[in-house]
Amino acid sequence: FFCPEFQVAPETKAVMKWLRSIPFVLSASLHGGELVVTYPYDYSRHPMEEKMFSPTPDEKMFKMLAKAYADAHPVISDRSEHRCGGNFVKRGGIINGAEWYSFTGGMADFNYLHTNCFEVTVEVGCEKFPLEEELFTIWHENRDALLNYMEMVHRGIKGIVSDKFGNPIKNARISVRGIQHDITTGN
């Protein structure tokens, strides 16, 4: 997902290093320009195909995470098709990123492939560059959805992997039958 010829900006390298140094498990990227929650993969498995569904092995979990945000957002959860984001109503306000549009180098794909962090992208409003006076409303529309999403960190399996003496095991590989995507324990 990151091409060798792709020039990585210093700030991007810093974020990548940060993500690898702290065992994050959940994150969200906030964008403007639409009202929808997207989830990985953002890059199509077939780069020449546009709008191609490209699920991860954790498709069910990503859909649950995206729905947790979308269902708690007062406008995204509004069933009206005659509003910004209305074309995503039949999908419940969520979509696989590559199915919407495919692009390479996204943070959600990077996090999934190179860290233990599951990330969704939240398009928080119809304006790509909202005016300062619109930010207060955008914050209030997204506050409860953000809190609901953060609570999802408590879903799934969690615990401590330790040796027979009770010492945590660093970088232990954890596999779940039926999901072809392993994670590793933190430091």
C-alpha atoms as a PDB file:
ATOM      1  CA  PHE A   1       0.000   0.000   0.000  1.00  0.00           C
ATOM      2  CA  PHE A   2       3.023   2.266   0.259  1.00  0.00           C
ATOM      3  CA  CYS A   3       4.951   2.314  -2.985  1.00  0.00           C
ATOM      4  CA  PRO A   4       8.771   2.558  -2.748  1.00  0.00           C
ATOM      5  CA  GLU A   5       8.763   5.486  -5.178  1.00  0.00           C
ATOM      6  CA  PHE A   6       6.191   7.261  -3.003  1.00  0.00           C
ATOM      7  CA  GLN A   7       7.933  10.168  -1.274  1.00  0.00           C
ATOM      8  CA  VAL A   8       6.981  10.180   2.405  1.00  0.00           C
ATOM      9  CA  ALA A   9       6.763  13.618   4.027  1.00  0.00           C
ATOM     10  CA  PRO A  10       8.662  14.127   7.316  1.00  0.00           C
ATOM     11  CA  GLU A  11       5.434  14.613   9.284  1.00  0.00           C
ATOM     12  CA  THR A  12       4.051  11.371   7.825  1.00  0.00           C
ATOM     13  CA  LYS A  13       7.212   9.517   8.838  1.00  0.00           C
ATOM     14  CA  ALA A  14       6.859  10.966  12.351  1.00  0.00           C
ATOM     15  CA  VAL A  15       3.244   9.757  12.639  1.00  0.00           C
ATOM     16  CA  MET A  16       4.219   6.305  11.335  1.00  0.00           C
ATOM     17  CA  LYS A  17       6.982   6.072  13.937  1.00  0.00           C
ATOM     18  CA  TRP A  18       4.583   7.255  16.668  1.00  0.00           C
ATOM     19  CA  LEU A  19       1.962   4.669  15.671  1.00  0.00           C
ATOM     20  CA  ARG A  20       4.548   1.890  15.848  1.00  0.00           C
ATOM     21  CA  SER A  21       5.833   3.030  19.251  1.00  0.00           C
ATOM     22  CA  ILE A  22       2.486   3.157  21.115  1.00  0.00           C
ATOM     23  CA  PRO A  23       0.069   0.205  21.033  1.00  0.00           C
ATOM     24  CA  PHE A  24      -3.008   2.054  19.778  1.00  0.00           C
ATOM     25  CA  VAL A  25      -5.960  -0.209  18.995  1.00  0.00           C
ATOM     26  CA  LEU A  26      -8.570   2.266  17.723  1.00  0.00           C
ATOM     27  CA  SER A  27      -8.416   5.569  15.866  1.00  0.00           C
ATOM     28  CA  ALA A  28     -10.403   7.772  13.529  1.00  0.00           C
ATOM     29  CA  SER A  29      -9.372  10.242  10.883  1.00  0.00           C
ATOM     30  CA  LEU A  30     -11.657  13.261  10.526  1.00  0.00           C
ATOM     31  CA  HIS A  31     -12.211  14.781   7.072  1.00  0.00           C
ATOM     32  CA  GLY A  32     -14.623  17.237   5.540  1.00  0.00           C
ATOM     33  CA  GLY A  33     -16.570  17.179   2.295  1.00  0.00           C
ATOM     34  CA  GLU A  34     -19.249  14.522   2.900  1.00  0.00           C
ATOM     35  CA  LEU A  35     -21.249  12.817   5.651  1.00  0.00           C
ATOM     36  CA  VAL A  36     -20.227   9.160   5.790  1.00  0.00           C
ATOM     37  CA  VAL A  37     -17.949   6.801   7.720  1.00  0.00           C
ATOM     38  CA  THR A  38     -15.535   4.757   5.622  1.00  0.00           C
ATOM     39  CA  TYR A  39     -13.487   1.753   6.657  1.00  0.00           C
ATOM     40  CA  PRO A  40     -10.557  -0.201   5.136  1.00  0.00           C
ATOM     41  CA  TYR A  41      -9.431  -1.051   2.703  1.00  0.00           C
ATOM     42  CA  ASP A  42      -9.276   2.340   1.008  1.00  0.00           C
ATOM     43  CA  TYR A  43      -7.067   0.951  -1.741  1.00  0.00           C
ATOM     44  CA  SER A  44      -8.670  -1.514  -4.135  1.00  0.00           C
ATOM     45  CA  ARG A  45      -7.074  -4.923  -4.489  1.00  0.00           C
ATOM     46  CA  HIS A  46      -7.359  -4.269  -8.209  1.00  0.00           C
ATOM     47  CA  PRO A  47      -5.861  -0.763  -8.673  1.00  0.00           C
ATOM     48  CA  MET A  48      -7.396  -0.332 -12.122  1.00  0.00           C
ATOM     49  CA  GLU A  49     -10.872  -0.897 -10.708  1.00  0.00           C
ATOM     50  CA  GLU A  50     -12.674   2.124  -9.298  1.00  0.00           C
ATOM     51  CA  LYS A  51     -15.426   1.735  -6.726  1.00  0.00           C
ATOM     52  CA  MET A  52     -14.537  -1.886  -6.016  1.00  0.00           C
ATOM     53  CA  PHE A  53     -15.458  -3.408  -2.656  1.00  0.00           C
ATOM     54  CA  SER A  54     -12.157  -4.315  -0.991  1.00  0.00           C
ATOM     55  CA  PRO A  55     -12.759  -5.830   2.462  1.00  0.00           C
ATOM     56  CA  THR A  56     -10.164  -6.649   5.101  1.00  0.00           C
ATOM     57  CA  PRO A  57     -10.209  -9.998   6.897  1.00  0.00           C
ATOM     58  CA  ASP A  58     -11.825  -8.025   9.771  1.00  0.00           C
ATOM     59  CA  GLU A  59     -14.731  -6.748   7.650  1.00  0.00           C
ATOM     60  CA  LYS A  60     -17.362  -7.521  10.302  1.00  0.00           C
ATOM     61  CA  MET A  61     -15.458  -5.630  12.994  1.00  0.00           C
ATOM     62  CA  PHE A  62     -14.877  -2.612  10.754  1.00  0.00           C
ATOM     63  CA  LYS A  63     -18.559  -2.467   9.814  1.00  0.00           C
ATOM     64  CA  MET A  64     -19.478  -2.614  13.503  1.00  0.00           C
ATOM     65  CA  LEU A  65     -17.043   0.211  14.310  1.00  0.00           C
ATOM     66  CA  ALA A  66     -18.278   2.376  11.436  1.00  0.00           C
ATOM     67  CA  LYS A  67     -21.923   1.753  12.392  1.00  0.00           C
ATOM     68  CA  ALA A  68     -21.199   2.674  16.018  1.00  0.00           C
ATOM     69  CA  TYR A  69     -20.153   6.117  14.812  1.00  0.00           C
ATOM     70  CA  ALA A  70     -22.780   6.546  12.099  1.00  0.00           C
ATOM     71  CA  ASP A  71     -25.711   5.442  14.267  1.00  0.00           C
ATOM     72  CA  ALA A  72     -24.787   7.948  16.993  1.00  0.00           C
ATOM     73  CA  HIS A  73     -24.433  10.876  14.569  1.00  0.00           C
ATOM     74  CA  PRO A  74     -27.687  12.872  14.287  1.00  0.00           C
ATOM     75  CA  VAL A  75     -27.308  13.703  10.587  1.00  0.00           C
ATOM     76  CA  ILE A  76     -25.595  10.549   9.293  1.00  0.00           C
ATOM     77  CA  SER A  77     -28.305   8.460  10.976  1.00  0.00           C
ATOM     78  CA  ASP A  78     -31.068  10.662   9.484  1.00  0.00           C
ATOM     79  CA  ARG A  79     -32.885   8.539   6.876  1.00  0.00           C
ATOM     80  CA  SER A  80     -33.495  11.464   4.496  1.00  0.00           C
ATOM     81  CA  GLU A  81     -31.897  11.001   1.094  1.00  0.00           C
ATOM     82  CA  HIS A  82     -32.366  14.704   0.303  1.00  0.00           C
ATOM     83  CA  ARG A  83     -29.417  15.983   2.312  1.00  0.00           C
ATOM     84  CA  CYS A  84     -25.647  15.931   2.208  1.00  0.00           C
ATOM     85  CA  GLY A  85     -24.594  12.311   2.614  1.00  0.00           C
ATOM     86  CA  GLY A  86     -28.050  11.164   1.544  1.00  0.00           C
ATOM     87  CA  ASN A  87     -26.630   8.876  -1.108  1.00  0.00           C
ATOM     88  CA  PHE A  88     -25.200   6.727   1.745  1.00  0.00           C
ATOM     89  CA  VAL A  89     -28.548   6.325   3.573  1.00  0.00           C
ATOM     90  CA  LYS A  90     -29.272   2.904   2.065  1.00  0.00           C
ATOM     91  CA  ARG A  91     -25.855   1.774   3.320  1.00  0.00           C
ATOM     92  CA  GLY A  92     -26.512   3.002   6.863  1.00  0.00           C
ATOM     93  CA  GLY A  93     -24.104   5.947   6.527  1.00  0.00           C
ATOM     94  CA  ILE A  94     -21.043   3.716   6.064  1.00  0.00           C
ATOM     95  CA  ILE A  95     -19.064   2.362   3.119  1.00  0.00           C
ATOM     96  CA  ASN A  96     -15.926   0.406   2.384  1.00  0.00           C
ATOM     97  CA  GLY A  97     -13.374   3.048   1.387  1.00  0.00           C
ATOM     98  CA  ALA A  98     -12.311   1.479  -1.916  1.00  0.00           C
ATOM     99  CA  GLU A  99     -15.932   0.959  -2.870  1.00  0.00           C
ATOM    100  CA  TRP A 100     -16.462   4.715  -2.572  1.00  0.00           C
ATOM    101  CA  TYR A 101     -13.180   5.616  -4.265  1.00  0.00           C
ATOM    102  CA  SER A 102      -9.813   3.891  -4.224  1.00  0.00           C
ATOM    103  CA  PHE A 103      -6.613   5.631  -3.173  1.00  0.00           C
ATOM    104  CA  THR A 104      -3.202   4.527  -1.979  1.00  0.00           C
ATOM    105  CA  GLY A 105      -1.311   5.612   1.119  1.00  0.00           C
ATOM    106  CA  GLY A 106      -4.249   6.068   3.490  1.00  0.00           C
ATOM    107  CA  MET A 107      -3.786   6.045   7.266  1.00  0.00           C
ATOM    108  CA  ALA A 108      -6.556   3.504   7.865  1.00  0.00           C
ATOM    109  CA  ASP A 109      -4.898   0.971   5.558  1.00  0.00           C
ATOM    110  CA  PHE A 110      -1.462   1.693   7.025  1.00  0.00           C
ATOM    111  CA  ASN A 111      -2.744   1.237  10.576  1.00  0.00           C
ATOM    112  CA  TYR A 112      -4.456  -2.037   9.739  1.00  0.00           C
ATOM    113  CA  LEU A 113      -1.496  -3.493   7.869  1.00  0.00           C
ATOM    114  CA  HIS A 114       1.398  -2.213   9.979  1.00  0.00           C
ATOM    115  CA  THR A 115       0.055  -1.740  13.528  1.00  0.00           C
ATOM    116  CA  ASN A 116      -2.659  -3.241  15.739  1.00  0.00           C
ATOM    117  CA  CYS A 117      -4.844  -0.178  15.263  1.00  0.00           C
ATOM    118  CA  PHE A 118      -8.250  -0.276  13.580  1.00  0.00           C
ATOM    119  CA  GLU A 119      -9.089   3.090  12.022  1.00  0.00           C
ATOM    120  CA  VAL A 120     -12.119   4.478  10.247  1.00  0.00           C
ATOM    121  CA  THR A 121     -12.360   7.723   8.319  1.00  0.00           C
ATOM    122  CA  VAL A 122     -15.171  10.038   9.320  1.00  0.00           C
ATOM    123  CA  GLU A 123     -16.354  12.605   6.816  1.00  0.00           C
ATOM    124  CA  VAL A 124     -17.745  15.069   9.370  1.00  0.00           C
ATOM    125  CA  GLY A 125     -19.569  17.543   7.142  1.00  0.00           C
ATOM    126  CA  CYS A 126     -20.469  18.594   3.655  1.00  0.00           C
ATOM    127  CA  GLU A 127     -18.048  21.481   3.467  1.00  0.00           C
ATOM    128  CA  LYS A 128     -14.490  20.480   2.610  1.00  0.00           C
ATOM    129  CA  PHE A 129     -13.209  23.614   4.327  1.00  0.00           C
ATOM    130  CA  PRO A 130     -15.904  24.781   6.781  1.00  0.00           C
ATOM    131  CA  LEU A 131     -15.964  28.331   8.004  1.00  0.00           C
ATOM    132  CA  GLU A 132     -14.850  29.014  11.576  1.00  0.00           C
ATOM    133  CA  GLU A 133     -18.406  29.777  12.676  1.00  0.00           C
ATOM    134  CA  GLU A 134     -19.533  26.324  11.445  1.00  0.00           C
ATOM    135  CA  LEU A 135     -17.043  24.426  13.632  1.00  0.00           C
ATOM    136  CA  PHE A 136     -19.135  24.661  16.813  1.00  0.00           C
ATOM    137  CA  THR A 137     -22.092  22.971  15.089  1.00  0.00           C
ATOM    138  CA  ILE A 138     -19.844  20.328  13.524  1.00  0.00           C
ATOM    139  CA  TRP A 139     -18.360  19.584  16.945  1.00  0.00           C
ATOM    140  CA  HIS A 140     -21.821  19.137  18.507  1.00  0.00           C
ATOM    141  CA  GLU A 141     -22.982  16.917  15.640  1.00  0.00           C
ATOM    142  CA  ASN A 142     -19.939  14.668  16.114  1.00  0.00           C
ATOM    143  CA  ARG A 143     -19.333  14.731  19.882  1.00  0.00           C
ATOM    144  CA  ASP A 144     -21.649  11.876  20.912  1.00  0.00           C
ATOM    145  CA  ALA A 145     -20.659   9.822  17.876  1.00  0.00           C
ATOM    146  CA  LEU A 146     -16.980  10.217  18.804  1.00  0.00           C
ATOM    147  CA  LEU A 147     -17.687   9.146  22.385  1.00  0.00           C
ATOM    148  CA  ASN A 148     -19.720   6.162  21.187  1.00  0.00           C
ATOM    149  CA  TYR A 149     -16.892   5.199  18.844  1.00  0.00           C
ATOM    150  CA  MET A 150     -14.271   5.493  21.599  1.00  0.00           C
ATOM    151  CA  GLU A 151     -16.310   3.146  23.785  1.00  0.00           C
ATOM    152  CA  MET A 152     -15.858   0.481  21.096  1.00  0.00           C
ATOM    153  CA  VAL A 153     -12.298   0.016  22.365  1.00  0.00           C
ATOM    154  CA  HIS A 154     -13.833  -2.266  24.999  1.00  0.00           C
ATOM    155  CA  ARG A 155     -15.294  -4.667  22.400  1.00  0.00           C
ATOM    156  CA  GLY A 156     -13.583  -7.844  21.352  1.00  0.00           C
ATOM    157  CA  ILE A 157     -10.921  -9.878  23.046  1.00  0.00           C
ATOM    158  CA  LYS A 158      -8.480  -8.223  25.394  1.00  0.00           C
ATOM    159  CA  GLY A 159      -6.050  -9.362  28.015  1.00  0.00           C
ATOM    160  CA  ILE A 160      -2.409  -9.900  28.868  1.00  0.00           C
ATOM    161  CA  VAL A 161      -0.217 -12.509  27.232  1.00  0.00           C
ATOM    162  CA  SER A 162       2.299 -13.654  29.804  1.00  0.00           C
ATOM    163  CA  ASP A 163       4.872 -16.358  30.374  1.00  0.00           C
ATOM    164  CA  LYS A 164       4.609 -18.976  33.128  1.00  0.00           C
ATOM    165  CA  PHE A 165       6.031 -16.449  35.619  1.00  0.00           C
ATOM    166  CA  GLY A 166       3.388 -13.809  34.828  1.00  0.00           C
ATOM    167  CA  ASN A 167       5.760 -11.586  32.823  1.00  0.00           C
ATOM    168  CA  PRO A 168       4.196  -9.922  29.769  1.00  0.00           C
ATOM    169  CA  ILE A 169       5.401 -11.320  26.441  1.00  0.00           C
ATOM    170  CA  LYS A 170       6.405  -8.604  23.996  1.00  0.00           C
ATOM    171  CA  ASN A 171       5.554  -9.077  20.295  1.00  0.00           C
ATOM    172  CA  ALA A 172       3.636 -12.323  20.784  1.00  0.00           C
ATOM    173  CA  ARG A 173       1.586 -13.166  17.685  1.00  0.00           C
ATOM    174  CA  ILE A 174      -2.134 -13.645  18.274  1.00  0.00           C
ATOM    175  CA  SER A 175      -4.266 -15.446  15.694  1.00  0.00           C
ATOM    176  CA  VAL A 176      -8.018 -15.855  15.603  1.00  0.00           C
ATOM    177  CA  ARG A 177      -9.374 -18.847  13.713  1.00  0.00           C
ATOM    178  CA  GLY A 178     -11.249 -17.707  10.631  1.00  0.00           C
ATOM    179  CA  ILE A 179      -9.584 -14.271  10.435  1.00  0.00           C
ATOM    180  CA  GLN A 180      -6.410 -14.158   8.388  1.00  0.00           C
ATOM    181  CA  HIS A 181      -4.940 -11.116  10.091  1.00  0.00           C
ATOM    182  CA  ASP A 182      -2.756 -11.580  13.155  1.00  0.00           C
ATOM    183  CA  ILE A 183      -1.942  -8.954  15.734  1.00  0.00           C
ATOM    184  CA  THR A 184       0.987  -8.744  18.144  1.00  0.00           C
ATOM    185  CA  THR A 185       1.183  -7.840  21.793  1.00  0.00           C
ATOM    186  CA  GLY A 186       2.556  -4.441  22.779  1.00  0.00           C
ATOM    187  CA  ASN A 187       5.737  -3.610  24.639  1.00  0.00           C
END
